[in-house]
Amino acid sequence: MGHVGVVYVGAAMTGAWGVAHALPVRRVVAGFEPLTDDNRRVLTMVWIAEALTLVFIGVVAALAAASGIAGERTGRIVCSACAGMLMVSAVWTRVTGGRTKILAMRLCPLVKTVAAALIWLGAWS
């Protein structure tokens, strides 16, 4: 699997994690009840925003790979930005939700870090 394939794997992992993040939103929000309507809306917004961000990062990295620029200067910048954002998100998740008893939240920093490494390595190999 060439460098482009590695970017695709990291991008797919990121996008899939984003979709998986969005699917249980009702159950997640219900787990925080009782909530005011405003707090319910904010929690839903933040949860979906994280999912959309992950899907977006995955799509951008996949587009860099599909366009054939993943190993070129511009593609490396794009993929590095995607990987960098994933790492910032991984650290933030580790410090916050990653400290909970919820397994998916504890796995999240690891998934983001592995996906970031794959995207970065694929662009720079």
PDB file of N, CA and C in Angstrom:
ATOM      1  N   MET A   1       0.856  -1.174   0.000  1.00  0.00           N
ATOM      2  CA  MET A   1       0.000   0.000   0.000  1.00  0.00           C
ATOM      3  C   MET A   1       0.899   1.233   0.000  1.00  0.00           C
ATOM      4  N   GLY A   2       0.813   2.045  -1.029  1.00  0.00           N
ATOM      5  CA  GLY A   2       1.653   3.236  -1.131  1.00  0.00           C
ATOM      6  C   GLY A   2       1.233   4.309  -0.143  1.00  0.00           C
ATOM      7  N   HIS A   3       1.923   5.423  -0.231  1.00  0.00           N
ATOM      8  CA  HIS A   3       1.639   6.507   0.705  1.00  0.00           C
ATOM      9  C   HIS A   3       0.194   6.988   0.608  1.00  0.00           C
ATOM     10  N   VAL A   4      -0.356   6.976  -0.598  1.00  0.00           N
ATOM     11  CA  VAL A   4      -1.738   7.406  -0.776  1.00  0.00           C
ATOM     12  C   VAL A   4      -2.690   6.463  -0.036  1.00  0.00           C
ATOM     13  N   GLY A   5      -2.410   5.179  -0.091  1.00  0.00           N
ATOM     14  CA  GLY A   5      -3.245   4.208   0.607  1.00  0.00           C
ATOM     15  C   GLY A   5      -3.256   4.431   2.102  1.00  0.00           C
ATOM     16  N   VAL A   6      -2.120   4.814   2.652  1.00  0.00           N
ATOM     17  CA  VAL A   6      -2.038   5.068   4.092  1.00  0.00           C
ATOM     18  C   VAL A   6      -2.870   6.297   4.452  1.00  0.00           C
ATOM     19  N   VAL A   7      -2.828   7.315   3.609  1.00  0.00           N
ATOM     20  CA  VAL A   7      -3.664   8.499   3.835  1.00  0.00           C
ATOM     21  C   VAL A   7      -5.133   8.102   3.800  1.00  0.00           C
ATOM     22  N   TYR A   8      -5.509   7.284   2.812  1.00  0.00           N
ATOM     23  CA  TYR A   8      -6.902   6.822   2.717  1.00  0.00           C
ATOM     24  C   TYR A   8      -7.343   6.081   3.980  1.00  0.00           C
ATOM     25  N   VAL A   9      -6.487   5.234   4.506  1.00  0.00           N
ATOM     26  CA  VAL A   9      -6.846   4.474   5.711  1.00  0.00           C
ATOM     27  C   VAL A   9      -7.076   5.438   6.883  1.00  0.00           C
ATOM     28  N   GLY A  10      -6.176   6.387   7.068  1.00  0.00           N
ATOM     29  CA  GLY A  10      -6.346   7.373   8.141  1.00  0.00           C
ATOM     30  C   GLY A  10      -7.578   8.234   7.931  1.00  0.00           C
ATOM     31  N   ALA A  11      -7.830   8.607   6.682  1.00  0.00           N
ATOM     32  CA  ALA A  11      -9.008   9.422   6.369  1.00  0.00           C
ATOM     33  C   ALA A  11     -10.293   8.635   6.619  1.00  0.00           C
ATOM     34  N   ALA A  12     -10.313   7.384   6.193  1.00  0.00           N
ATOM     35  CA  ALA A  12     -11.497   6.543   6.409  1.00  0.00           C
ATOM     36  C   ALA A  12     -11.742   6.313   7.891  1.00  0.00           C
ATOM     37  N   MET A  13     -10.680   6.098   8.611  1.00  0.00           N
ATOM     38  CA  MET A  13     -10.786   5.888  10.059  1.00  0.00           C
ATOM     39  C   MET A  13     -11.377   7.136  10.725  1.00  0.00           C
ATOM     40  N   THR A  14     -10.917   8.304  10.303  1.00  0.00           N
ATOM     41  CA  THR A  14     -11.396   9.567  10.862  1.00  0.00           C
ATOM     42  C   THR A  14     -12.868   9.785  10.532  1.00  0.00           C
ATOM     43  N   GLY A  15     -13.223   9.604   9.269  1.00  0.00           N
ATOM     44  CA  GLY A  15     -14.610   9.791   8.858  1.00  0.00           C
ATOM     45  C   GLY A  15     -15.548   8.806   9.529  1.00  0.00           C
ATOM     46  N   ALA A  16     -15.125   7.554   9.608  1.00  0.00           N
ATOM     47  CA  ALA A  16     -15.956   6.530  10.255  1.00  0.00           C
ATOM     48  C   ALA A  16     -16.141   6.839  11.734  1.00  0.00           C
ATOM     49  N   TRP A  17     -15.090   7.313  12.385  1.00  0.00           N
ATOM     50  CA  TRP A  17     -15.198   7.664  13.801  1.00  0.00           C
ATOM     51  C   TRP A  17     -16.163   8.842  13.966  1.00  0.00           C
ATOM     52  N   GLY A  18     -16.147   9.759  13.013  1.00  0.00           N
ATOM     53  CA  GLY A  18     -17.091  10.883  13.052  1.00  0.00           C
ATOM     54  C   GLY A  18     -18.534  10.420  12.916  1.00  0.00           C
ATOM     55  N   VAL A  19     -18.787   9.515  11.970  1.00  0.00           N
ATOM     56  CA  VAL A  19     -20.141   8.975  11.793  1.00  0.00           C
ATOM     57  C   VAL A  19     -20.563   8.211  13.048  1.00  0.00           C
ATOM     58  N   ALA A  20     -19.652   7.398  13.569  1.00  0.00           N
ATOM     59  CA  ALA A  20     -19.957   6.635  14.784  1.00  0.00           C
ATOM     60  C   ALA A  20     -20.218   7.564  15.969  1.00  0.00           C
ATOM     61  N   HIS A  21     -19.606   8.714  15.950  1.00  0.00           N
ATOM     62  CA  HIS A  21     -19.789   9.705  17.002  1.00  0.00           C
ATOM     63  C   HIS A  21     -21.191  10.300  16.937  1.00  0.00           C
ATOM     64  N   ALA A  22     -21.701  10.499  15.727  1.00  0.00           N
ATOM     65  CA  ALA A  22     -23.010  11.139  15.546  1.00  0.00           C
ATOM     66  C   ALA A  22     -24.175  10.203  15.846  1.00  0.00           C
ATOM     67  N   LEU A  23     -24.013   8.932  15.582  1.00  0.00           N
ATOM     68  CA  LEU A  23     -25.132   7.993  15.686  1.00  0.00           C
ATOM     69  C   LEU A  23     -25.794   7.948  17.070  1.00  0.00           C
ATOM     70  N   PRO A  24     -25.053   7.932  18.172  1.00  0.00           N
ATOM     71  CA  PRO A  24     -25.714   7.807  19.481  1.00  0.00           C
ATOM     72  C   PRO A  24     -26.076   9.131  20.148  1.00  0.00           C
ATOM     73  N   VAL A  25     -26.200  10.217  19.382  1.00  0.00           N
ATOM     74  CA  VAL A  25     -26.375  11.530  20.003  1.00  0.00           C
ATOM     75  C   VAL A  25     -27.593  11.582  20.931  1.00  0.00           C
ATOM     76  N   ARG A  26     -28.692  10.999  20.538  1.00  0.00           N
ATOM     77  CA  ARG A  26     -29.886  11.040  21.409  1.00  0.00           C
ATOM     78  C   ARG A  26     -29.634  10.316  22.728  1.00  0.00           C
ATOM     79  N   ARG A  27     -28.984   9.165  22.631  1.00  0.00           N
ATOM     80  CA  ARG A  27     -28.690   8.377  23.829  1.00  0.00           C
ATOM     81  C   ARG A  27     -27.691   9.112  24.737  1.00  0.00           C
ATOM     82  N   VAL A  28     -26.711   9.746  24.125  1.00  0.00           N
ATOM     83  CA  VAL A  28     -25.718  10.498  24.901  1.00  0.00           C
ATOM     84  C   VAL A  28     -26.394  11.649  25.634  1.00  0.00           C
ATOM     85  N   VAL A  29     -27.194  12.411  24.917  1.00  0.00           N
ATOM     86  CA  VAL A  29     -27.872  13.548  25.534  1.00  0.00           C
ATOM     87  C   VAL A  29     -28.812  13.065  26.644  1.00  0.00           C
ATOM     88  N   ALA A  30     -29.521  11.983  26.391  1.00  0.00           N
ATOM     89  CA  ALA A  30     -30.431  11.436  27.408  1.00  0.00           C
ATOM     90  C   ALA A  30     -29.674  11.026  28.670  1.00  0.00           C
ATOM     91  N   GLY A  31     -28.423  10.627  28.511  1.00  0.00           N
ATOM     92  CA  GLY A  31     -27.616  10.235  29.662  1.00  0.00           C
ATOM     93  C   GLY A  31     -27.281  11.388  30.587  1.00  0.00           C
ATOM     94  N   PHE A  32     -27.467  12.619  30.117  1.00  0.00           N
ATOM     95  CA  PHE A  32     -27.195  13.797  30.935  1.00  0.00           C
ATOM     96  C   PHE A  32     -28.456  14.377  31.569  1.00  0.00           C
ATOM     97  N   GLU A  33     -29.610  13.776  31.285  1.00  0.00           N
ATOM     98  CA  GLU A  33     -30.876  14.290  31.825  1.00  0.00           C
ATOM     99  C   GLU A  33     -30.854  14.235  33.345  1.00  0.00           C
ATOM    100  N   PRO A  34     -31.515  15.144  34.022  1.00  0.00           N
ATOM    101  CA  PRO A  34     -32.387  16.193  33.491  1.00  0.00           C
ATOM    102  C   PRO A  34     -31.573  17.403  33.005  1.00  0.00           C
ATOM    103  N   LEU A  35     -31.987  17.937  31.879  1.00  0.00           N
ATOM    104  CA  LEU A  35     -31.354  19.107  31.275  1.00  0.00           C
ATOM    105  C   LEU A  35     -32.420  20.147  30.947  1.00  0.00           C
ATOM    106  N   THR A  36     -32.006  21.395  30.949  1.00  0.00           N
ATOM    107  CA  THR A  36     -32.907  22.425  30.430  1.00  0.00           C
ATOM    108  C   THR A  36     -32.923  22.292  28.911  1.00  0.00           C
ATOM    109  N   ASP A  37     -33.897  22.878  28.276  1.00  0.00           N
ATOM    110  CA  ASP A  37     -33.954  22.827  26.814  1.00  0.00           C
ATOM    111  C   ASP A  37     -32.705  23.444  26.191  1.00  0.00           C
ATOM    112  N   ASP A  38     -32.250  24.565  26.750  1.00  0.00           N
ATOM    113  CA  ASP A  38     -31.047  25.212  26.216  1.00  0.00           C
ATOM    114  C   ASP A  38     -29.824  24.318  26.372  1.00  0.00           C
ATOM    115  N   ASN A  39     -29.651  23.710  27.532  1.00  0.00           N
ATOM    116  CA  ASN A  39     -28.501  22.825  27.740  1.00  0.00           C
ATOM    117  C   ASN A  39     -28.570  21.611  26.824  1.00  0.00           C
ATOM    118  N   ARG A  40     -29.755  21.077  26.584  1.00  0.00           N
ATOM    119  CA  ARG A  40     -29.931  19.949  25.672  1.00  0.00           C
ATOM    120  C   ARG A  40     -29.507  20.345  24.255  1.00  0.00           C
ATOM    121  N   ARG A  41     -29.913  21.528  23.847  1.00  0.00           N
ATOM    122  CA  ARG A  41     -29.558  22.015  22.507  1.00  0.00           C
ATOM    123  C   ARG A  41     -28.048  22.224  22.370  1.00  0.00           C
ATOM    124  N   VAL A  42     -27.435  22.809  23.390  1.00  0.00           N
ATOM    125  CA  VAL A  42     -25.988  23.058  23.350  1.00  0.00           C
ATOM    126  C   VAL A  42     -25.219  21.743  23.341  1.00  0.00           C
ATOM    127  N   LEU A  43     -25.607  20.814  24.179  1.00  0.00           N
ATOM    128  CA  LEU A  43     -24.934  19.521  24.215  1.00  0.00           C
ATOM    129  C   LEU A  43     -25.070  18.804  22.869  1.00  0.00           C
ATOM    130  N   THR A  44     -26.257  18.833  22.300  1.00  0.00           N
ATOM    131  CA  THR A  44     -26.471  18.227  20.982  1.00  0.00           C
ATOM    132  C   THR A  44     -25.606  18.916  19.932  1.00  0.00           C
ATOM    133  N   MET A  45     -25.576  20.245  19.963  1.00  0.00           N
ATOM    134  CA  MET A  45     -24.783  21.009  19.005  1.00  0.00           C
ATOM    135  C   MET A  45     -23.297  20.637  19.094  1.00  0.00           C
ATOM    136  N   VAL A  46     -22.769  20.588  20.304  1.00  0.00           N
ATOM    137  CA  VAL A  46     -21.347  20.295  20.490  1.00  0.00           C
ATOM    138  C   VAL A  46     -21.038  18.867  20.061  1.00  0.00           C
ATOM    139  N   TRP A  47     -21.895  17.937  20.402  1.00  0.00           N
ATOM    140  CA  TRP A  47     -21.668  16.538  20.053  1.00  0.00           C
ATOM    141  C   TRP A  47     -21.663  16.352  18.535  1.00  0.00           C
ATOM    142  N   ILE A  48     -22.615  16.975  17.849  1.00  0.00           N
ATOM    143  CA  ILE A  48     -22.693  16.868  16.388  1.00  0.00           C
ATOM    144  C   ILE A  48     -21.554  17.656  15.734  1.00  0.00           C
ATOM    145  N   ALA A  49     -21.167  18.781  16.319  1.00  0.00           N
ATOM    146  CA  ALA A  49     -20.048  19.553  15.767  1.00  0.00           C
ATOM    147  C   ALA A  49     -18.771  18.730  15.756  1.00  0.00           C
ATOM    148  N   GLU A  50     -18.544  17.965  16.819  1.00  0.00           N
ATOM    149  CA  GLU A  50     -17.359  17.084  16.860  1.00  0.00           C
ATOM    150  C   GLU A  50     -17.445  16.043  15.752  1.00  0.00           C
ATOM    151  N   ALA A  51     -18.617  15.466  15.571  1.00  0.00           N
ATOM    152  CA  ALA A  51     -18.798  14.457  14.522  1.00  0.00           C
ATOM    153  C   ALA A  51     -18.553  15.069  13.146  1.00  0.00           C
ATOM    154  N   LEU A  52     -19.120  16.240  12.896  1.00  0.00           N
ATOM    155  CA  LEU A  52     -18.940  16.904  11.599  1.00  0.00           C
ATOM    156  C   LEU A  52     -17.478  17.268  11.356  1.00  0.00           C
ATOM    157  N   THR A  53     -16.791  17.693  12.402  1.00  0.00           N
ATOM    158  CA  THR A  53     -15.371  18.030  12.273  1.00  0.00           C
ATOM    159  C   THR A  53     -14.560  16.806  11.874  1.00  0.00           C
ATOM    160  N   LEU A  54     -14.833  15.686  12.511  1.00  0.00           N
ATOM    161  CA  LEU A  54     -14.109  14.454  12.171  1.00  0.00           C
ATOM    162  C   LEU A  54     -14.396  14.020  10.744  1.00  0.00           C
ATOM    163  N   VAL A  55     -15.648  14.067  10.334  1.00  0.00           N
ATOM    164  CA  VAL A  55     -15.989  13.697   8.954  1.00  0.00           C
ATOM    165  C   VAL A  55     -15.298  14.653   7.978  1.00  0.00           C
ATOM    166  N   PHE A  56     -15.321  15.944   8.280  1.00  0.00           N
ATOM    167  CA  PHE A  56     -14.687  16.928   7.405  1.00  0.00           C
ATOM    168  C   PHE A  56     -13.186  16.677   7.267  1.00  0.00           C
ATOM    169  N   ILE A  57     -12.515  16.427   8.365  1.00  0.00           N
ATOM    170  CA  ILE A  57     -11.074  16.148   8.324  1.00  0.00           C
ATOM    171  C   ILE A  57     -10.811  14.914   7.464  1.00  0.00           C
ATOM    172  N   GLY A  58     -11.614  13.871   7.649  1.00  0.00           N
ATOM    173  CA  GLY A  58     -11.454  12.664   6.842  1.00  0.00           C
ATOM    174  C   GLY A  58     -11.665  12.926   5.359  1.00  0.00           C
ATOM    175  N   VAL A  59     -12.672  13.710   5.035  1.00  0.00           N
ATOM    176  CA  VAL A  59     -12.955  14.032   3.629  1.00  0.00           C
ATOM    177  C   VAL A  59     -11.819  14.846   3.029  1.00  0.00           C
ATOM    178  N   VAL A  60     -11.329  15.834   3.752  1.00  0.00           N
ATOM    179  CA  VAL A  60     -10.230  16.666   3.231  1.00  0.00           C
ATOM    180  C   VAL A  60      -8.981  15.822   2.974  1.00  0.00           C
ATOM    181  N   ALA A  61      -8.630  14.961   3.907  1.00  0.00           N
ATOM    182  CA  ALA A  61      -7.459  14.095   3.716  1.00  0.00           C
ATOM    183  C   ALA A  61      -7.674  13.149   2.539  1.00  0.00           C
ATOM    184  N   ALA A  62      -8.869  12.588   2.425  1.00  0.00           N
ATOM    185  CA  ALA A  62      -9.167  11.688   1.302  1.00  0.00           C
ATOM    186  C   ALA A  62      -9.116  12.432  -0.029  1.00  0.00           C
ATOM    187  N   LEU A  63      -9.589  13.665  -0.064  1.00  0.00           N
ATOM    188  CA  LEU A  63      -9.521  14.459  -1.296  1.00  0.00           C
ATOM    189  C   LEU A  63      -8.075  14.756  -1.682  1.00  0.00           C
ATOM    190  N   ALA A  64      -7.235  15.006  -0.686  1.00  0.00           N
ATOM    191  CA  ALA A  64      -5.814  15.228  -0.982  1.00  0.00           C
ATOM    192  C   ALA A  64      -5.211  13.974  -1.608  1.00  0.00           C
ATOM    193  N   ALA A  65      -5.587  12.819  -1.076  1.00  0.00           N
ATOM    194  CA  ALA A  65      -5.078  11.558  -1.635  1.00  0.00           C
ATOM    195  C   ALA A  65      -5.647  11.312  -3.027  1.00  0.00           C
ATOM    196  N   ALA A  66      -6.942  11.528  -3.190  1.00  0.00           N
ATOM    197  CA  ALA A  66      -7.599  11.262  -4.474  1.00  0.00           C
ATOM    198  C   ALA A  66      -7.118  12.192  -5.585  1.00  0.00           C
ATOM    199  N   SER A  67      -6.744  13.407  -5.206  1.00  0.00           N
ATOM    200  CA  SER A  67      -6.294  14.368  -6.208  1.00  0.00           C
ATOM    201  C   SER A  67      -4.867  14.098  -6.675  1.00  0.00           C
ATOM    202  N   GLY A  68      -4.188  13.207  -5.990  1.00  0.00           N
ATOM    203  CA  GLY A  68      -2.823  12.875  -6.367  1.00  0.00           C
ATOM    204  C   GLY A  68      -1.776  13.790  -5.767  1.00  0.00           C
ATOM    205  N   ILE A  69      -2.182  14.676  -4.863  1.00  0.00           N
ATOM    206  CA  ILE A  69      -1.218  15.628  -4.294  1.00  0.00           C
ATOM    207  C   ILE A  69      -0.745  15.243  -2.901  1.00  0.00           C
ATOM    208  N   ALA A  70      -1.213  14.111  -2.383  1.00  0.00           N
ATOM    209  CA  ALA A  70      -0.906  13.753  -0.993  1.00  0.00           C
ATOM    210  C   ALA A  70       0.597  13.753  -0.709  1.00  0.00           C
ATOM    211  N   GLY A  71       1.426  13.347  -1.665  1.00  0.00           N
ATOM    212  CA  GLY A  71       2.862  13.299  -1.442  1.00  0.00           C
ATOM    213  C   GLY A  71       3.606  14.533  -1.936  1.00  0.00           C
ATOM    214  N   GLU A  72       2.872  15.489  -2.498  1.00  0.00           N
ATOM    215  CA  GLU A  72       3.490  16.728  -2.971  1.00  0.00           C
ATOM    216  C   GLU A  72       3.384  17.809  -1.897  1.00  0.00           C
ATOM    217  N   ARG A  73       4.028  18.933  -2.134  1.00  0.00           N
ATOM    218  CA  ARG A  73       4.107  19.995  -1.121  1.00  0.00           C
ATOM    219  C   ARG A  73       2.725  20.420  -0.605  1.00  0.00           C
ATOM    220  N   THR A  74       1.825  20.744  -1.507  1.00  0.00           N
ATOM    221  CA  THR A  74       0.491  21.196  -1.096  1.00  0.00           C
ATOM    222  C   THR A  74      -0.245  20.098  -0.342  1.00  0.00           C
ATOM    223  N   GLY A  75      -0.177  18.896  -0.844  1.00  0.00           N
ATOM    224  CA  GLY A  75      -0.833  17.773  -0.178  1.00  0.00           C
ATOM    225  C   GLY A  75      -0.255  17.504   1.195  1.00  0.00           C
ATOM    226  N   ARG A  76       1.054  17.658   1.305  1.00  0.00           N
ATOM    227  CA  ARG A  76       1.684  17.464   2.616  1.00  0.00           C
ATOM    228  C   ARG A  76       1.212  18.514   3.610  1.00  0.00           C
ATOM    229  N   ILE A  77       1.049  19.732   3.144  1.00  0.00           N
ATOM    230  CA  ILE A  77       0.537  20.795   4.018  1.00  0.00           C
ATOM    231  C   ILE A  77      -0.892  20.479   4.444  1.00  0.00           C
ATOM    232  N   VAL A  78      -1.723  20.086   3.484  1.00  0.00           N
ATOM    233  CA  VAL A  78      -3.115  19.756   3.783  1.00  0.00           C
ATOM    234  C   VAL A  78      -3.191  18.577   4.757  1.00  0.00           C
ATOM    235  N   CYS A  79      -2.455  17.529   4.454  1.00  0.00           N
ATOM    236  CA  CYS A  79      -2.483  16.337   5.323  1.00  0.00           C
ATOM    237  C   CYS A  79      -1.897  16.631   6.695  1.00  0.00           C
ATOM    238  N   SER A  80      -0.869  17.454   6.750  1.00  0.00           N
ATOM    239  CA  SER A  80      -0.293  17.838   8.046  1.00  0.00           C
ATOM    240  C   SER A  80      -1.281  18.650   8.865  1.00  0.00           C
ATOM    241  N   ALA A  81      -2.039  19.524   8.204  1.00  0.00           N
ATOM    242  CA  ALA A  81      -3.065  20.295   8.910  1.00  0.00           C
ATOM    243  C   ALA A  81      -4.154  19.364   9.459  1.00  0.00           C
ATOM    244  N   CYS A  82      -4.561  18.399   8.656  1.00  0.00           N
ATOM    245  CA  CYS A  82      -5.560  17.417   9.112  1.00  0.00           C
ATOM    246  C   CYS A  82      -5.029  16.635  10.310  1.00  0.00           C
ATOM    247  N   ALA A  83      -3.805  16.147  10.193  1.00  0.00           N
ATOM    248  CA  ALA A  83      -3.197  15.379  11.284  1.00  0.00           C
ATOM    249  C   ALA A  83      -3.025  16.249  12.525  1.00  0.00           C
ATOM    250  N   GLY A  84      -2.609  17.486  12.331  1.00  0.00           N
ATOM    251  CA  GLY A  84      -2.431  18.405  13.456  1.00  0.00           C
ATOM    252  C   GLY A  84      -3.729  18.663  14.196  1.00  0.00           C
ATOM    253  N   MET A  85      -4.798  18.885  13.446  1.00  0.00           N
ATOM    254  CA  MET A  85      -6.089  19.115  14.086  1.00  0.00           C
ATOM    255  C   MET A  85      -6.560  17.877  14.835  1.00  0.00           C
ATOM    256  N   LEU A  86      -6.326  16.706  14.252  1.00  0.00           N
ATOM    257  CA  LEU A  86      -6.674  15.467  14.947  1.00  0.00           C
ATOM    258  C   LEU A  86      -5.891  15.332  16.250  1.00  0.00           C
ATOM    259  N   MET A  87      -4.625  15.712  16.239  1.00  0.00           N
ATOM    260  CA  MET A  87      -3.810  15.607  17.450  1.00  0.00           C
ATOM    261  C   MET A  87      -4.273  16.600  18.521  1.00  0.00           C
ATOM    262  N   VAL A  88      -4.593  17.816  18.109  1.00  0.00           N
ATOM    263  CA  VAL A  88      -5.128  18.793  19.070  1.00  0.00           C
ATOM    264  C   VAL A  88      -6.416  18.250  19.678  1.00  0.00           C
ATOM    265  N   SER A  89      -7.274  17.706  18.827  1.00  0.00           N
ATOM    266  CA  SER A  89      -8.530  17.124  19.298  1.00  0.00           C
ATOM    267  C   SER A  89      -8.285  15.917  20.205  1.00  0.00           C
ATOM    268  N   ALA A  90      -7.283  15.110  19.870  1.00  0.00           N
ATOM    269  CA  ALA A  90      -6.955  13.942  20.698  1.00  0.00           C
ATOM    270  C   ALA A  90      -6.505  14.368  22.086  1.00  0.00           C
ATOM    271  N   VAL A  91      -5.668  15.379  22.153  1.00  0.00           N
ATOM    272  CA  VAL A  91      -5.193  15.865  23.454  1.00  0.00           C
ATOM    273  C   VAL A  91      -6.366  16.439  24.252  1.00  0.00           C
ATOM    274  N   TRP A  92      -7.179  17.255  23.607  1.00  0.00           N
ATOM    275  CA  TRP A  92      -8.323  17.849  24.294  1.00  0.00           C
ATOM    276  C   TRP A  92      -9.279  16.767  24.798  1.00  0.00           C
ATOM    277  N   THR A  93      -9.532  15.757  23.972  1.00  0.00           N
ATOM    278  CA  THR A  93     -10.411  14.668  24.372  1.00  0.00           C
ATOM    279  C   THR A  93      -9.804  13.885  25.529  1.00  0.00           C
ATOM    280  N   ARG A  94      -8.515  13.675  25.499  1.00  0.00           N
ATOM    281  CA  ARG A  94      -7.837  12.938  26.578  1.00  0.00           C
ATOM    282  C   ARG A  94      -7.971  13.665  27.911  1.00  0.00           C
ATOM    283  N   VAL A  95      -7.858  14.982  27.870  1.00  0.00           N
ATOM    284  CA  VAL A  95      -7.916  15.788  29.085  1.00  0.00           C
ATOM    285  C   VAL A  95      -9.347  15.896  29.619  1.00  0.00           C
ATOM    286  N   THR A  96     -10.327  15.793  28.738  1.00  0.00           N
ATOM    287  CA  THR A  96     -11.726  15.972  29.146  1.00  0.00           C
ATOM    288  C   THR A  96     -12.462  14.632  29.143  1.00  0.00           C
ATOM    289  N   GLY A  97     -13.124  14.309  28.057  1.00  0.00           N
ATOM    290  CA  GLY A  97     -13.945  13.103  27.973  1.00  0.00           C
ATOM    291  C   GLY A  97     -13.178  11.813  28.125  1.00  0.00           C
ATOM    292  N   GLY A  98     -11.908  11.820  27.776  1.00  0.00           N
ATOM    293  CA  GLY A  98     -11.090  10.623  27.892  1.00  0.00           C
ATOM    294  C   GLY A  98     -10.843  10.188  29.324  1.00  0.00           C
ATOM    295  N   ARG A  99     -11.216  11.015  30.257  1.00  0.00           N
ATOM    296  CA  ARG A  99     -11.031  10.691  31.677  1.00  0.00           C
ATOM    297  C   ARG A  99     -12.303  10.116  32.295  1.00  0.00           C
ATOM    298  N   THR A 100     -13.328   9.905  31.470  1.00  0.00           N
ATOM    299  CA  THR A 100     -14.582   9.348  31.981  1.00  0.00           C
ATOM    300  C   THR A 100     -14.503   7.821  32.013  1.00  0.00           C
ATOM    301  N   LYS A 101     -15.571   7.212  32.508  1.00  0.00           N
ATOM    302  CA  LYS A 101     -15.656   5.755  32.553  1.00  0.00           C
ATOM    303  C   LYS A 101     -16.193   5.183  31.242  1.00  0.00           C
ATOM    304  N   ILE A 102     -16.574   6.034  30.305  1.00  0.00           N
ATOM    305  CA  ILE A 102     -17.171   5.606  29.045  1.00  0.00           C
ATOM    306  C   ILE A 102     -16.069   5.125  28.107  1.00  0.00           C
ATOM    307  N   LEU A 103     -16.136   3.856  27.725  1.00  0.00           N
ATOM    308  CA  LEU A 103     -15.078   3.241  26.923  1.00  0.00           C
ATOM    309  C   LEU A 103     -14.823   3.985  25.616  1.00  0.00           C
ATOM    310  N   ALA A 104     -15.874   4.329  24.897  1.00  0.00           N
ATOM    311  CA  ALA A 104     -15.696   5.029  23.614  1.00  0.00           C
ATOM    312  C   ALA A 104     -14.968   6.361  23.797  1.00  0.00           C
ATOM    313  N   MET A 105     -15.241   7.043  24.893  1.00  0.00           N
ATOM    314  CA  MET A 105     -14.568   8.322  25.155  1.00  0.00           C
ATOM    315  C   MET A 105     -13.092   8.093  25.495  1.00  0.00           C
ATOM    316  N   ARG A 106     -12.804   6.997  26.169  1.00  0.00           N
ATOM    317  CA  ARG A 106     -11.403   6.696  26.498  1.00  0.00           C
ATOM    318  C   ARG A 106     -10.643   6.233  25.260  1.00  0.00           C
ATOM    319  N   LEU A 107     -11.328   5.598  24.312  1.00  0.00           N
ATOM    320  CA  LEU A 107     -10.689   5.153  23.067  1.00  0.00           C
ATOM    321  C   LEU A 107     -10.493   6.291  22.069  1.00  0.00           C
ATOM    322  N   CYS A 108     -11.298   7.310  22.176  1.00  0.00           N
ATOM    323  CA  CYS A 108     -11.292   8.401  21.206  1.00  0.00           C
ATOM    324  C   CYS A 108      -9.899   9.014  20.982  1.00  0.00           C
ATOM    325  N   PRO A 109      -9.143   9.359  22.026  1.00  0.00           N
ATOM    326  CA  PRO A 109      -7.813   9.925  21.780  1.00  0.00           C
ATOM    327  C   PRO A 109      -6.895   8.963  21.017  1.00  0.00           C
ATOM    328  N   LEU A 110      -7.006   7.681  21.306  1.00  0.00           N
ATOM    329  CA  LEU A 110      -6.190   6.692  20.605  1.00  0.00           C
ATOM    330  C   LEU A 110      -6.569   6.615  19.127  1.00  0.00           C
ATOM    331  N   VAL A 111      -7.855   6.565  18.847  1.00  0.00           N
ATOM    332  CA  VAL A 111      -8.316   6.499  17.451  1.00  0.00           C
ATOM    333  C   VAL A 111      -7.851   7.736  16.688  1.00  0.00           C
ATOM    334  N   LYS A 112      -8.017   8.902  17.283  1.00  0.00           N
ATOM    335  CA  LYS A 112      -7.603  10.149  16.630  1.00  0.00           C
ATOM    336  C   LYS A 112      -6.092  10.187  16.403  1.00  0.00           C
ATOM    337  N   THR A 113      -5.333   9.728  17.372  1.00  0.00           N
ATOM    338  CA  THR A 113      -3.871   9.726  17.247  1.00  0.00           C
ATOM    339  C   THR A 113      -3.407   8.773  16.153  1.00  0.00           C
ATOM    340  N   VAL A 114      -3.975   7.583  16.109  1.00  0.00           N
ATOM    341  CA  VAL A 114      -3.605   6.617  15.069  1.00  0.00           C
ATOM    342  C   VAL A 114      -3.982   7.156  13.690  1.00  0.00           C
ATOM    343  N   ALA A 115      -5.176   7.710  13.567  1.00  0.00           N
ATOM    344  CA  ALA A 115      -5.605   8.268  12.280  1.00  0.00           C
ATOM    345  C   ALA A 115      -4.691   9.422  11.866  1.00  0.00           C
ATOM    346  N   ALA A 116      -4.342  10.283  12.810  1.00  0.00           N
ATOM    347  CA  ALA A 116      -3.430  11.402  12.510  1.00  0.00           C
ATOM    348  C   ALA A 116      -2.074  10.890  12.029  1.00  0.00           C
ATOM    349  N   ALA A 117      -1.573   9.878  12.718  1.00  0.00           N
ATOM    350  CA  ALA A 117      -0.268   9.310  12.336  1.00  0.00           C
ATOM    351  C   ALA A 117      -0.325   8.726  10.937  1.00  0.00           C
ATOM    352  N   LEU A 118      -1.394   8.022  10.609  1.00  0.00           N
ATOM    353  CA  LEU A 118      -1.525   7.439   9.283  1.00  0.00           C
ATOM    354  C   LEU A 118      -1.586   8.503   8.195  1.00  0.00           C
ATOM    355  N   ILE A 119      -2.379   9.536   8.433  1.00  0.00           N
ATOM    356  CA  ILE A 119      -2.495  10.624   7.451  1.00  0.00           C
ATOM    357  C   ILE A 119      -1.148  11.311   7.263  1.00  0.00           C
ATOM    358  N   TRP A 120      -0.498  11.614   8.367  1.00  0.00           N
ATOM    359  CA  TRP A 120       0.797  12.306   8.287  1.00  0.00           C
ATOM    360  C   TRP A 120       1.851  11.423   7.627  1.00  0.00           C
ATOM    361  N   LEU A 121       1.948  10.180   8.066  1.00  0.00           N
ATOM    362  CA  LEU A 121       2.948   9.274   7.492  1.00  0.00           C
ATOM    363  C   LEU A 121       2.697   9.020   6.002  1.00  0.00           C
ATOM    364  N   GLY A 122       1.427   8.880   5.651  1.00  0.00           N
ATOM    365  CA  GLY A 122       1.106   8.674   4.237  1.00  0.00           C
ATOM    366  C   GLY A 122       1.526   9.856   3.373  1.00  0.00           C
ATOM    367  N   ALA A 123       1.381  11.048   3.896  1.00  0.00           N
ATOM    368  CA  ALA A 123       1.753  12.246   3.129  1.00  0.00           C
ATOM    369  C   ALA A 123       3.258  12.429   3.051  1.00  0.00           C
ATOM    370  N   TRP A 124       3.975  12.000   4.083  1.00  0.00           N
ATOM    371  CA  TRP A 124       5.405  12.264   4.162  1.00  0.00           C
ATOM    372  C   TRP A 124       6.281  11.065   3.834  1.00  0.00           C
ATOM    373  N   SER A 125       5.678   9.921   3.506  1.00  0.00           N
ATOM    374  CA  SER A 125       6.512   8.748   3.197  1.00  0.00           C
ATOM    375  C   SER A 125       6.933   8.721   1.744  1.00  0.00           C
TER     376      SER A 125
END
